[in-house]
Amino acid sequence: MTTVATQPFSGQKPGTSGLRKKVTVFQQPHYLENFVQSIFDALGGIAGQTLVVGGDGRYHNREAVQTIIKMAAANGAAKVLVGAGGILSTPAASCVIRKYGTFGGIVLSASHNPGGPDGDFGIKYNIANGGPAPEKITEAIYAKSQTITSYHIAEAADYDIDTLGSGEIGSCRIEVIDPVADYAELQQQLFDFDAIRAWFAAGHTLCFDGMHAVSGPYAHRILEGLLGAPAGTVINGTPLPDFGQGHPDPNPAYATELVARMSGPDAPDFGAASDGDADRNMVVGRGMAGEPLLISPSDSLAILAANATLVPAYRAGLKGVARSMPTSTAVDAVARALGIPAFETPTGWKFFGNLLDAGMATLCGEESYGTGSDHVREKDGLWAVLFWLNLLATTGKSVAQIVQEHWSRFGRHYYSRHDFEGIATEKADALMTALRGKLATLAGQGSHGLVIAEADDFAYTDPVDGSVSRQQGVRIVFQGGSRIVFRLSGTGTEGATLRVYLERFVADPAGHGEPTQTALAPLIMAAHELAGIGQHTGLTEPTVVT
């Protein structure tokens, strides 16, 4: 066990989901080690504790796992549970932390960001409840990273992380576990696997796109193994360090193979995809005239909440629902009908943790293709797919029928997100500063046939611990309930990404058939005008539309 002298690196400040940088940044000598030691120091040390370690299998994952387990041993950890091959999906890591009551875990992922030698890498700490570390811990980690002078690491050969079983590095026990087993066991406790097996046995079909990311082994084991879906149901199901040179973000812009398979008269009954670390989901139905029925994550959350009592785990009803502020208000309408609370939080799954732990919410979701429940403390991509399969099997209805019936009952919330990527940080900051500067004067103003009812900079007071989070995104609400939200993303590694969220509510079913971008056209024009997007960024069109 050795102590290595080091110096701080600037910029090791965790964002929405941990520290994300280019692989080449993490490959610098001492860079990863500094951050890991800062985690341990911010926690007051890990002597005698048990840690979970694993990641999404992207480039540099295996090397990082070796570094972390050697550092855990040198810092006095009693045990490290590591997924075989260094693999653990983010929801599976949360499951393992909770099941075995560990001190916490280190999850290696940059989620839906591209991988490979020139791609992105990420690391975050999850606390004992299985969820991402709250801001008070991430701030402490950052503070330690800026004053660090040394770190501890074992001088040892690389540990065999590919063989199930246990061994030691010094006095620390290393246990290599099946990365899928505990997660699969939990899912069987939540859903009616017999009904879903019968749905497949009756000839219904599914296409699940693993996007060459970590969900592949989980989908193969659960969908094709435990549930009897035909071989070939899971496509792109082998995790690759560069995600097959693709972008592992499950949305229409990147899950193009799935969208293509869901087009045409012979499309499967249901389609789904998951992202780099398997915590996001995209669900697709068979639409009309050979067009795929793309279900927005906001609608998906609302539909799951409205039908939750059809699923064994939620038969007793929901305690409440929660959504991130930019997510559409579709689930709020469901909560009103059910007579349960609906919470609006900042973006970042860590904000849901307190609500779930306090028993104030059962389902929660974000517009960025993340949905989950109180079974773990992360969003969970395959869980959402199993939830939909349970609904299809129980109701005997198609995806299109379920969606249309939901809109007829609750109205349709047209929704889209426009991303403007790669903006110089100072230009993005200037745009947001200028927009915030005129919020007080916007109420009553008209724009493209819309009248602004209110405008603010969203601040959140946590109802459990009283903590306050400010400047979480600019909200502009129009008469009739339409909304535009402006926010800078915290998940990228180059420049800044401006996210513009657009929502229009239509109650009358006669107005539910418009193409989404057509229905949102006045809001799109108003967003460009109000924020001066072109003037500040030079961009007249979004980089990605989802």
Protein backbone atom coordinates (compact mmCIF):
# COMPACT_ATOMS: atom_id res chain seq x y z
CA MET A 1 0.00 0.00 0.00
CA THR A 2 1.64 3.19 -1.17
CA THR A 3 1.05 6.92 -0.92
CA VAL A 4 1.64 8.89 -4.11
CA ALA A 5 2.29 12.63 -4.15
CA THR A 6 0.07 14.60 -6.51
CA GLN A 7 -1.22 18.06 -7.35
CA PRO A 8 -4.79 19.25 -7.98
CA PHE A 9 -6.33 19.39 -11.46
CA SER A 10 -8.62 22.30 -12.18
CA GLY A 11 -12.17 21.57 -13.28
CA GLN A 12 -12.88 18.35 -11.35
CA LYS A 13 -16.32 19.67 -10.42
CA PRO A 14 -19.09 17.05 -10.71
CA GLY A 15 -22.05 18.07 -12.87
CA THR A 16 -25.60 16.79 -13.00
CA SER A 17 -24.40 13.17 -13.06
CA GLY A 18 -20.83 13.17 -11.81
CA LEU A 19 -17.57 14.15 -13.47
CA ARG A 20 -17.55 13.82 -17.26
CA LYS A 21 -14.58 14.57 -19.47
CA LYS A 22 -12.91 13.23 -22.58
CA VAL A 23 -11.21 9.84 -22.24
CA THR A 24 -7.87 11.52 -22.90
CA VAL A 25 -8.41 13.75 -19.86
CA PHE A 26 -9.03 10.75 -17.61
CA GLN A 27 -5.97 9.00 -19.05
CA GLN A 28 -3.66 11.70 -17.68
CA PRO A 29 -1.44 10.41 -14.86
CA HIS A 30 -3.07 10.96 -11.45
CA TYR A 31 -6.32 12.43 -12.89
CA LEU A 32 -8.67 9.55 -12.02
CA GLU A 33 -6.72 8.77 -8.86
CA ASN A 34 -7.11 12.34 -7.60
CA PHE A 35 -10.87 12.28 -8.04
CA VAL A 36 -11.31 8.84 -6.46
CA GLN A 37 -9.22 9.84 -3.44
CA SER A 38 -11.27 13.04 -3.19
CA ILE A 39 -14.43 10.89 -3.03
CA PHE A 40 -12.99 8.78 -0.22
CA ASP A 41 -11.74 11.83 1.69
CA ALA A 42 -15.02 13.72 1.31
CA LEU A 43 -16.83 10.72 2.83
CA GLY A 44 -14.54 10.78 5.87
CA GLY A 45 -12.66 7.69 4.69
CA ILE A 46 -13.86 4.22 3.75
CA ALA A 47 -12.01 2.09 6.30
CA GLY A 48 -13.99 -1.07 7.04
CA GLN A 49 -16.69 -0.27 4.47
CA THR A 50 -18.09 -2.19 1.48
CA LEU A 51 -18.16 -0.51 -1.95
CA VAL A 52 -19.81 -1.42 -5.25
CA VAL A 53 -17.85 -0.75 -8.43
CA GLY A 54 -18.84 -1.13 -12.08
CA GLY A 55 -19.62 0.74 -15.25
CA ASP A 56 -21.10 0.74 -18.72
CA GLY A 57 -18.19 -0.97 -20.46
CA ARG A 58 -17.11 2.05 -22.47
CA TYR A 59 -13.51 2.66 -23.45
CA HIS A 60 -11.23 2.96 -20.36
CA ASN A 61 -13.81 1.24 -18.10
CA ARG A 62 -11.69 -1.84 -17.30
CA GLU A 63 -8.57 0.21 -16.54
CA ALA A 64 -10.53 2.54 -14.26
CA VAL A 65 -12.07 -0.39 -12.36
CA GLN A 66 -8.58 -1.76 -11.64
CA THR A 67 -7.44 1.62 -10.33
CA ILE A 68 -10.48 2.01 -8.09
CA ILE A 69 -10.31 -1.42 -6.45
CA LYS A 70 -6.59 -0.97 -5.74
CA MET A 71 -7.28 2.44 -4.22
CA ALA A 72 -10.20 1.08 -2.19
CA ALA A 73 -7.88 -1.59 -0.78
CA ALA A 74 -5.20 0.96 0.08
CA ASN A 75 -7.79 3.18 1.78
CA GLY A 76 -8.87 0.34 4.08
CA ALA A 77 -12.10 -0.86 2.48
CA ALA A 78 -13.24 -4.21 3.85
CA LYS A 79 -14.87 -5.40 0.62
CA VAL A 80 -15.42 -4.37 -2.97
CA LEU A 81 -18.28 -5.86 -5.01
CA VAL A 82 -17.40 -5.52 -8.70
CA GLY A 83 -19.50 -6.55 -11.69
CA ALA A 84 -17.87 -9.25 -13.82
CA GLY A 85 -15.86 -7.66 -16.60
CA GLY A 86 -16.22 -4.34 -14.82
CA ILE A 87 -19.86 -4.23 -15.98
CA LEU A 88 -22.78 -2.89 -13.96
CA SER A 89 -25.58 -0.85 -15.46
CA THR A 90 -26.42 2.25 -13.46
CA PRO A 91 -29.78 0.89 -12.21
CA ALA A 92 -28.15 -2.47 -11.45
CA ALA A 93 -25.47 -0.71 -9.40
CA SER A 94 -28.22 1.01 -7.42
CA CYS A 95 -29.95 -2.35 -6.96
CA VAL A 96 -26.76 -4.01 -5.65
CA ILE A 97 -25.96 -1.12 -3.27
CA ARG A 98 -29.45 -1.36 -1.79
CA LYS A 99 -29.71 -5.14 -1.65
CA TYR A 100 -26.42 -5.66 0.17
CA GLY A 101 -26.57 -2.52 2.29
CA THR A 102 -23.20 -1.22 1.16
CA PHE A 103 -21.60 2.11 2.05
CA GLY A 104 -22.16 3.23 -1.53
CA GLY A 105 -20.70 2.68 -4.97
CA ILE A 106 -18.63 4.18 -7.75
CA VAL A 107 -20.34 4.08 -11.13
CA LEU A 108 -18.27 4.57 -14.28
CA SER A 109 -20.34 6.04 -17.08
CA ALA A 110 -20.89 9.04 -19.27
CA SER A 111 -24.43 7.74 -19.85
CA HIS A 112 -25.66 8.56 -23.36
CA ASN A 113 -22.46 10.34 -24.46
CA PRO A 114 -20.34 8.71 -27.21
CA GLY A 115 -17.50 6.36 -26.24
CA GLY A 116 -14.21 5.20 -27.72
CA PRO A 117 -10.63 6.55 -27.50
CA ASP A 118 -11.82 10.00 -28.58
CA GLY A 119 -15.12 9.79 -26.74
CA ASP A 120 -16.29 10.63 -23.24
CA PHE A 121 -15.79 9.03 -19.85
CA GLY A 122 -17.46 9.64 -16.52
CA ILE A 123 -17.44 8.75 -12.85
CA LYS A 124 -19.89 9.39 -10.03
CA TYR A 125 -20.45 8.32 -6.45
CA ASN A 126 -23.77 6.82 -5.35
CA ILE A 127 -24.66 6.91 -1.67
CA ALA A 128 -26.05 4.14 0.53
CA ASN A 129 -29.64 4.58 -0.69
CA GLY A 130 -28.39 3.66 -4.17
CA GLY A 131 -28.86 7.14 -5.62
CA PRO A 132 -26.47 9.80 -6.91
CA ALA A 133 -24.65 11.80 -4.26
CA PRO A 134 -26.51 14.98 -3.24
CA GLU A 135 -24.98 18.37 -3.87
CA LYS A 136 -23.48 18.71 -0.39
CA ILE A 137 -21.36 15.61 -1.08
CA THR A 138 -20.42 16.51 -4.66
CA GLU A 139 -19.39 19.96 -3.46
CA ALA A 140 -17.23 18.38 -0.76
CA ILE A 141 -15.63 16.08 -3.36
CA TYR A 142 -14.82 19.08 -5.54
CA ALA A 143 -13.36 20.99 -2.59
CA LYS A 144 -11.09 18.03 -1.75
CA SER A 145 -10.00 17.73 -5.40
CA GLN A 146 -8.75 21.32 -5.34
CA THR A 147 -6.50 20.81 -2.29
CA ILE A 148 -5.36 17.20 -2.71
CA THR A 149 -1.65 16.49 -2.20
CA SER A 150 -1.53 12.66 -2.23
CA TYR A 151 -3.53 9.50 -2.81
CA HIS A 152 -3.32 5.89 -1.63
CA ILE A 153 -3.11 2.90 -3.96
CA ALA A 154 -2.05 -0.72 -3.72
CA GLU A 155 0.97 -1.84 -5.71
CA ALA A 156 -0.61 -5.03 -7.00
CA ALA A 157 -1.15 -6.92 -10.21
CA ASP A 158 -4.45 -6.34 -11.98
CA TYR A 159 -7.21 -8.36 -10.34
CA ASP A 160 -9.08 -10.99 -12.40
CA ILE A 161 -12.44 -9.25 -12.78
CA ASP A 162 -13.72 -11.73 -15.38
CA THR A 163 -14.11 -14.76 -13.09
CA LEU A 164 -16.96 -14.94 -10.59
CA GLY A 165 -15.78 -15.47 -7.04
CA SER A 166 -13.70 -13.73 -4.40
CA GLY A 167 -10.11 -13.04 -3.47
CA GLU A 168 -8.03 -10.36 -1.78
CA ILE A 169 -5.89 -7.36 -2.37
CA GLY A 170 -4.14 -7.03 0.96
CA SER A 171 -6.83 -7.21 3.63
CA CYS A 172 -9.59 -6.08 1.24
CA ARG A 173 -11.90 -8.77 -0.10
CA ILE A 174 -12.72 -8.44 -3.81
CA GLU A 175 -15.93 -10.19 -4.84
CA VAL A 176 -16.71 -10.48 -8.57
CA ILE A 177 -20.47 -10.79 -9.00
CA ASP A 178 -22.83 -11.62 -11.84
CA PRO A 179 -23.84 -8.12 -13.00
CA VAL A 180 -27.33 -9.21 -14.11
CA ALA A 181 -28.50 -11.67 -11.42
CA ASP A 182 -29.57 -9.31 -8.61
CA TYR A 183 -31.21 -6.87 -11.03
CA ALA A 184 -33.15 -9.65 -12.80
CA GLU A 185 -34.33 -11.02 -9.46
CA LEU A 186 -35.67 -7.58 -8.50
CA GLN A 187 -37.58 -7.14 -11.78
CA GLN A 188 -39.32 -10.48 -11.26
CA GLN A 189 -40.61 -9.17 -7.92
CA LEU A 190 -42.12 -6.10 -9.60
CA PHE A 191 -43.81 -7.34 -12.77
CA ASP A 192 -46.14 -10.13 -13.89
CA PHE A 193 -43.61 -12.23 -15.79
CA ASP A 194 -46.20 -14.97 -16.41
CA ALA A 195 -48.48 -12.52 -18.25
CA ILE A 196 -45.59 -11.17 -20.32
CA ARG A 197 -44.45 -14.73 -21.20
CA ALA A 198 -47.98 -15.47 -22.38
CA TRP A 199 -47.96 -12.28 -24.49
CA PHE A 200 -44.82 -13.43 -26.28
CA ALA A 201 -46.14 -17.02 -26.54
CA ALA A 202 -49.25 -15.67 -28.30
CA GLY A 203 -47.03 -14.39 -31.11
CA HIS A 204 -46.58 -10.76 -30.13
CA THR A 205 -43.23 -9.26 -31.04
CA LEU A 206 -40.72 -6.79 -29.64
CA CYS A 207 -37.57 -5.18 -30.97
CA PHE A 208 -35.20 -4.03 -28.22
CA ASP A 209 -32.14 -2.05 -29.35
CA GLY A 210 -29.25 -2.29 -26.90
CA MET A 211 -27.28 0.24 -28.98
CA HIS A 212 -24.09 -1.80 -28.37
CA ALA A 213 -24.26 -0.56 -24.78
CA VAL A 214 -24.58 -2.09 -21.34
CA SER A 215 -28.30 -2.98 -21.45
CA GLY A 216 -27.62 -5.78 -23.94
CA PRO A 217 -26.68 -8.51 -21.41
CA TYR A 218 -29.63 -7.53 -19.19
CA ALA A 219 -32.08 -7.58 -22.11
CA HIS A 220 -30.78 -10.92 -23.42
CA ARG A 221 -31.08 -12.55 -19.98
CA ILE A 222 -34.49 -11.11 -19.08
CA LEU A 223 -36.36 -10.68 -22.38
CA GLU A 224 -35.07 -13.65 -24.37
CA GLY A 225 -34.18 -15.83 -21.39
CA LEU A 226 -36.67 -15.38 -18.55
CA LEU A 227 -39.57 -14.11 -20.66
CA GLY A 228 -39.18 -16.33 -23.71
CA ALA A 229 -39.00 -13.64 -26.38
CA PRO A 230 -37.69 -15.12 -29.66
CA ALA A 231 -33.96 -15.04 -30.32
CA GLY A 232 -33.19 -11.89 -32.27
CA THR A 233 -35.64 -9.78 -30.23
CA VAL A 234 -32.59 -7.97 -28.82
CA ILE A 235 -30.48 -6.23 -31.46
CA ASN A 236 -27.08 -4.60 -30.95
CA GLY A 237 -26.95 -6.45 -27.64
CA THR A 238 -23.20 -6.85 -27.19
CA PRO A 239 -21.56 -3.96 -25.28
CA LEU A 240 -18.68 -2.42 -27.22
CA PRO A 241 -16.13 0.10 -25.87
CA ASP A 242 -17.07 2.56 -28.62
CA PHE A 243 -20.77 1.57 -28.80
CA GLY A 244 -20.22 0.40 -32.37
CA GLN A 245 -19.12 3.94 -33.24
CA GLY A 246 -22.68 5.02 -32.55
CA HIS A 247 -24.24 7.53 -30.19
CA PRO A 248 -25.88 5.53 -27.38
CA ASP A 249 -28.72 7.97 -26.82
CA PRO A 250 -32.18 6.36 -27.19
CA ASN A 251 -34.04 9.01 -29.14
CA PRO A 252 -35.27 9.28 -32.76
CA ALA A 253 -32.11 11.10 -33.82
CA TYR A 254 -29.78 8.25 -32.82
CA ALA A 255 -31.86 5.06 -32.47
CA THR A 256 -32.35 5.07 -36.22
CA GLU A 257 -32.17 1.28 -36.67
CA LEU A 258 -35.02 0.80 -34.20
CA VAL A 259 -37.11 3.52 -35.85
CA ALA A 260 -36.53 1.89 -39.25
CA ARG A 261 -37.63 -1.51 -37.92
CA MET A 262 -40.74 0.03 -36.41
CA SER A 263 -41.71 1.49 -39.78
CA GLY A 264 -43.81 -0.42 -42.29
CA PRO A 265 -46.69 -2.88 -42.10
CA ASP A 266 -44.56 -5.73 -40.71
CA ALA A 267 -43.20 -3.74 -37.76
CA PRO A 268 -43.06 -5.45 -34.36
CA ASP A 269 -45.87 -4.76 -31.91
CA PHE A 270 -43.54 -2.83 -29.63
CA GLY A 271 -40.10 -1.25 -29.89
CA ALA A 272 -37.69 0.01 -27.27
CA ALA A 273 -34.10 1.13 -26.80
CA SER A 274 -31.80 1.95 -23.93
CA ASP A 275 -28.68 4.08 -23.59
CA GLY A 276 -25.01 3.72 -22.67
CA ASP A 277 -25.53 2.80 -19.02
CA ALA A 278 -29.10 1.44 -19.36
CA ASP A 279 -30.86 4.07 -17.27
CA ARG A 280 -32.74 5.72 -20.15
CA ASN A 281 -35.46 4.30 -22.37
CA MET A 282 -37.23 5.03 -25.62
CA VAL A 283 -40.52 3.31 -26.39
CA VAL A 284 -42.12 3.06 -29.83
CA GLY A 285 -45.39 1.60 -31.01
CA ARG A 286 -46.70 0.54 -34.40
CA GLY A 287 -48.43 3.60 -35.80
CA MET A 288 -50.74 4.33 -38.67
CA ALA A 289 -49.81 3.99 -42.36
CA GLY A 290 -46.48 2.36 -41.56
CA GLU A 291 -45.26 5.27 -39.44
CA PRO A 292 -43.73 4.47 -36.04
CA LEU A 293 -45.58 5.87 -33.02
CA LEU A 294 -42.87 7.72 -31.09
CA ILE A 295 -43.93 8.18 -27.47
CA SER A 296 -42.40 11.14 -25.69
CA PRO A 297 -40.81 10.36 -22.32
CA SER A 298 -43.22 12.85 -20.73
CA ASP A 299 -46.21 10.96 -22.13
CA SER A 300 -44.68 7.62 -21.18
CA LEU A 301 -44.35 8.71 -17.53
CA ALA A 302 -47.97 9.90 -17.49
CA ILE A 303 -49.27 6.70 -19.08
CA LEU A 304 -47.36 4.48 -16.63
CA ALA A 305 -48.72 6.51 -13.72
CA ALA A 306 -52.30 6.32 -15.01
CA ASN A 307 -52.09 2.53 -15.40
CA ALA A 308 -49.80 1.65 -12.49
CA THR A 309 -52.34 -0.44 -10.60
CA LEU A 310 -52.24 -3.01 -13.44
CA VAL A 311 -48.67 -3.88 -12.35
CA PRO A 312 -48.16 -6.12 -9.27
CA ALA A 313 -45.67 -3.82 -7.54
CA TYR A 314 -48.00 -0.82 -7.73
CA ARG A 315 -51.44 -2.42 -7.25
CA ALA A 316 -51.95 -0.58 -3.98
CA GLY A 317 -51.64 2.74 -5.82
CA LEU A 318 -49.03 5.48 -5.99
CA LYS A 319 -47.94 7.68 -3.10
CA GLY A 320 -47.11 10.48 -5.49
CA VAL A 321 -45.32 11.30 -8.72
CA ALA A 322 -42.38 13.56 -9.49
CA ARG A 323 -40.97 15.06 -12.66
CA SER A 324 -38.11 17.34 -13.53
CA MET A 325 -39.18 20.91 -14.24
CA PRO A 326 -38.56 20.77 -18.04
CA THR A 327 -40.63 17.57 -18.35
CA SER A 328 -44.15 18.18 -19.64
CA THR A 329 -47.01 18.57 -17.20
CA ALA A 330 -48.80 15.50 -18.59
CA VAL A 331 -48.18 13.50 -15.40
CA ASP A 332 -49.57 16.40 -13.33
CA ALA A 333 -52.94 15.87 -14.99
CA VAL A 334 -52.84 12.20 -14.02
CA ALA A 335 -51.91 13.07 -10.43
CA ARG A 336 -54.89 15.43 -10.16
CA ALA A 337 -57.22 12.69 -11.37
CA LEU A 338 -55.73 10.18 -8.93
CA GLY A 339 -55.73 12.64 -6.04
CA ILE A 340 -52.01 12.24 -5.33
CA PRO A 341 -49.18 14.80 -5.06
CA ALA A 342 -47.11 15.81 -8.09
CA PHE A 343 -43.65 17.25 -7.42
CA GLU A 344 -41.65 19.45 -9.79
CA THR A 345 -37.87 19.23 -9.21
CA PRO A 346 -34.69 20.46 -10.90
CA THR A 347 -33.09 18.22 -13.51
CA GLY A 348 -30.96 15.46 -11.99
CA TRP A 349 -32.08 12.16 -10.51
CA LYS A 350 -30.53 13.01 -7.15
CA PHE A 351 -33.46 15.39 -6.52
CA PHE A 352 -35.91 12.49 -6.61
CA GLY A 353 -34.00 10.52 -3.96
CA ASN A 354 -35.31 12.45 -0.96
CA LEU A 355 -38.91 12.17 -2.17
CA LEU A 356 -38.57 8.42 -2.73
CA ASP A 357 -36.81 7.82 0.59
CA ALA A 358 -39.48 9.81 2.43
CA GLY A 359 -42.28 7.80 0.82
CA MET A 360 -43.69 10.91 -0.87
CA ALA A 361 -43.40 9.64 -4.46
CA THR A 362 -43.49 6.27 -6.20
CA LEU A 363 -42.90 7.05 -9.89
CA CYS A 364 -40.64 9.77 -11.26
CA GLY A 365 -39.28 10.81 -14.62
CA GLU A 366 -37.34 13.24 -16.76
CA GLU A 367 -37.95 14.38 -20.32
CA SER A 368 -34.50 13.12 -21.29
CA TYR A 369 -35.82 9.56 -21.65
CA GLY A 370 -35.44 8.65 -17.99
CA THR A 371 -38.19 6.99 -15.93
CA GLY A 372 -38.05 5.10 -12.64
CA SER A 373 -39.71 4.22 -9.37
CA ASP A 374 -38.92 3.54 -5.74
CA HIS A 375 -37.48 0.08 -6.54
CA VAL A 376 -34.03 1.69 -6.95
CA ARG A 377 -32.71 5.25 -6.74
CA GLU A 378 -31.78 5.69 -10.40
CA LYS A 379 -33.80 5.90 -13.56
CA ASP A 380 -34.11 2.45 -15.11
CA GLY A 381 -34.44 1.84 -18.84
CA LEU A 382 -35.28 -1.86 -18.90
CA TRP A 383 -37.69 -1.42 -15.96
CA ALA A 384 -39.72 1.03 -18.09
CA VAL A 385 -39.78 -1.44 -20.99
CA LEU A 386 -40.99 -4.22 -18.69
CA PHE A 387 -43.66 -1.88 -17.31
CA TRP A 388 -44.95 -1.26 -20.85
CA LEU A 389 -44.83 -4.98 -21.65
CA ASN A 390 -46.85 -5.66 -18.49
CA LEU A 391 -49.49 -3.14 -19.64
CA LEU A 392 -49.65 -4.63 -23.13
CA ALA A 393 -49.97 -8.15 -21.74
CA THR A 394 -52.56 -7.24 -19.09
CA THR A 395 -54.82 -5.03 -21.22
CA GLY A 396 -54.55 -6.90 -24.51
CA LYS A 397 -54.39 -3.49 -26.20
CA SER A 398 -51.85 -2.15 -28.68
CA VAL A 399 -49.47 0.68 -27.88
CA ALA A 400 -51.51 2.98 -30.13
CA GLN A 401 -54.75 2.13 -28.32
CA ILE A 402 -53.23 2.81 -24.91
CA VAL A 403 -51.83 6.15 -26.05
CA GLN A 404 -55.00 7.31 -27.82
CA GLU A 405 -57.19 6.39 -24.86
CA HIS A 406 -54.84 8.27 -22.53
CA TRP A 407 -54.97 11.44 -24.66
CA SER A 408 -58.75 11.22 -24.92
CA ARG A 409 -59.02 11.13 -21.14
CA PHE A 410 -56.31 13.59 -20.10
CA GLY A 411 -55.69 15.68 -23.23
CA ARG A 412 -52.51 15.74 -25.30
CA HIS A 413 -49.37 17.57 -24.24
CA TYR A 414 -47.44 18.13 -27.48
CA TYR A 415 -43.81 18.17 -26.47
CA SER A 416 -40.33 18.47 -27.97
CA ARG A 417 -36.78 19.38 -26.98
CA HIS A 418 -34.51 21.38 -29.27
CA ASP A 419 -30.79 21.14 -28.49
CA PHE A 420 -28.26 23.71 -29.68
CA GLU A 421 -24.91 22.00 -29.14
CA GLY A 422 -21.30 23.11 -29.12
CA ILE A 423 -21.96 26.74 -28.19
CA ALA A 424 -19.04 28.69 -26.76
CA THR A 425 -19.66 28.76 -23.02
CA GLU A 426 -19.44 32.53 -22.75
CA LYS A 427 -22.05 32.95 -25.52
CA ALA A 428 -24.43 30.50 -23.86
CA ASP A 429 -24.00 32.24 -20.51
CA ALA A 430 -24.65 35.62 -22.14
CA LEU A 431 -27.89 34.33 -23.67
CA MET A 432 -29.17 33.08 -20.31
CA THR A 433 -28.07 36.25 -18.51
CA ALA A 434 -29.90 38.44 -21.03
CA LEU A 435 -33.02 36.27 -20.81
CA ARG A 436 -33.03 36.37 -17.01
CA GLY A 437 -32.61 40.13 -17.16
CA LYS A 438 -35.97 40.67 -18.82
CA LEU A 439 -38.09 38.10 -16.99
CA ALA A 440 -39.76 40.71 -14.80
CA THR A 441 -41.15 42.53 -17.83
CA LEU A 442 -42.48 39.59 -19.88
CA ALA A 443 -45.89 38.95 -18.28
CA GLY A 444 -48.66 40.20 -20.55
CA GLN A 445 -46.48 40.41 -23.66
CA GLY A 446 -47.57 38.66 -26.85
CA SER A 447 -45.44 36.57 -29.19
CA HIS A 448 -46.63 34.76 -32.34
CA GLY A 449 -50.24 34.63 -31.21
CA LEU A 450 -49.34 33.61 -27.65
CA VAL A 451 -49.69 35.75 -24.52
CA ILE A 452 -47.21 35.29 -21.68
CA ALA A 453 -48.91 34.62 -18.34
CA GLU A 454 -45.79 34.38 -16.19
CA ALA A 455 -42.02 33.99 -16.44
CA ASP A 456 -39.45 33.04 -13.81
CA ASP A 457 -36.10 31.42 -13.06
CA PHE A 458 -36.99 28.11 -11.44
CA ALA A 459 -35.86 27.64 -7.84
CA TYR A 460 -36.57 24.51 -5.79
CA THR A 461 -36.93 24.08 -2.06
CA ASP A 462 -36.63 20.42 -1.15
CA PRO A 463 -39.74 19.47 0.87
CA VAL A 464 -37.76 16.88 2.84
CA ASP A 465 -34.54 18.59 3.90
CA GLY A 466 -35.27 22.24 3.08
CA SER A 467 -32.26 22.66 0.78
CA VAL A 468 -32.64 25.30 -1.93
CA SER A 469 -31.46 25.05 -5.56
CA ARG A 470 -31.58 28.23 -7.63
CA GLN A 471 -31.26 29.15 -11.31
CA GLN A 472 -32.46 25.74 -12.51
CA GLY A 473 -33.90 26.97 -15.80
CA VAL A 474 -36.00 29.81 -17.18
CA ARG A 475 -39.73 29.08 -17.48
CA ILE A 476 -42.07 31.05 -19.71
CA VAL A 477 -45.72 30.03 -19.30
CA PHE A 478 -48.38 31.23 -21.71
CA GLN A 479 -52.10 31.66 -21.23
CA GLY A 480 -53.70 28.26 -21.83
CA GLY A 481 -50.80 26.33 -20.29
CA SER A 482 -48.24 26.20 -23.11
CA ARG A 483 -44.64 26.49 -21.90
CA ILE A 484 -41.12 27.20 -23.08
CA VAL A 485 -38.19 26.28 -20.83
CA PHE A 486 -34.58 27.34 -21.44
CA ARG A 487 -31.72 25.56 -19.70
CA LEU A 488 -28.00 24.91 -20.17
CA SER A 489 -27.15 21.20 -20.00
CA GLY A 490 -24.66 19.82 -17.50
CA THR A 491 -23.96 16.50 -19.22
CA GLY A 492 -21.72 17.45 -22.15
CA THR A 493 -17.93 17.66 -22.31
CA GLU A 494 -17.40 20.26 -25.04
CA GLY A 495 -18.70 23.82 -24.91
CA ALA A 496 -22.27 24.36 -23.78
CA THR A 497 -25.59 22.91 -24.91
CA LEU A 498 -28.68 25.11 -24.83
CA ARG A 499 -31.79 23.01 -24.35
CA VAL A 500 -35.14 24.53 -25.31
CA TYR A 501 -38.19 22.60 -24.12
CA LEU A 502 -41.53 23.23 -25.82
CA GLU A 503 -44.96 22.17 -24.56
CA ARG A 504 -48.47 22.82 -25.88
CA PHE A 505 -51.60 21.40 -24.28
CA VAL A 506 -54.62 20.47 -26.43
CA ALA A 507 -57.68 19.13 -24.61
CA ASP A 508 -59.94 18.40 -27.60
CA PRO A 509 -59.27 14.96 -29.18
CA ALA A 510 -60.04 16.51 -32.58
CA GLY A 511 -56.74 18.40 -32.24
CA HIS A 512 -54.58 15.42 -31.31
CA GLY A 513 -53.57 14.39 -34.84
CA GLU A 514 -51.15 17.16 -35.80
CA PRO A 515 -47.45 16.40 -36.34
CA THR A 516 -45.60 17.48 -33.19
CA GLN A 517 -43.34 20.10 -34.76
CA THR A 518 -46.28 21.60 -36.64
CA ALA A 519 -48.32 21.85 -33.46
CA LEU A 520 -45.38 23.53 -31.72
CA ALA A 521 -44.46 25.94 -34.55
CA PRO A 522 -45.69 29.14 -32.81
CA LEU A 523 -43.79 28.20 -29.65
CA ILE A 524 -40.63 27.47 -31.65
CA MET A 525 -40.74 30.92 -33.26
CA ALA A 526 -41.47 32.55 -29.90
CA ALA A 527 -38.52 30.77 -28.30
CA HIS A 528 -36.07 32.05 -30.91
CA GLU A 529 -37.45 35.57 -30.60
CA LEU A 530 -37.56 35.74 -26.80
CA ALA A 531 -34.07 34.33 -26.22
CA GLY A 532 -32.36 35.80 -29.28
CA ILE A 533 -30.88 32.40 -30.06
CA GLY A 534 -29.56 33.38 -33.47
CA GLN A 535 -28.04 36.64 -32.28
CA HIS A 536 -26.26 35.06 -29.30
CA THR A 537 -25.15 31.74 -30.81
CA GLY A 538 -25.17 32.14 -34.59
CA LEU A 539 -27.40 29.06 -34.78
CA THR A 540 -30.73 29.34 -36.57
CA GLU A 541 -31.68 25.66 -36.31
CA PRO A 542 -31.25 23.14 -33.48
CA THR A 543 -28.52 20.51 -33.68
CA VAL A 544 -30.81 17.75 -32.42
CA VAL A 545 -34.60 17.61 -32.14
CA THR A 546 -36.20 15.00 -29.87
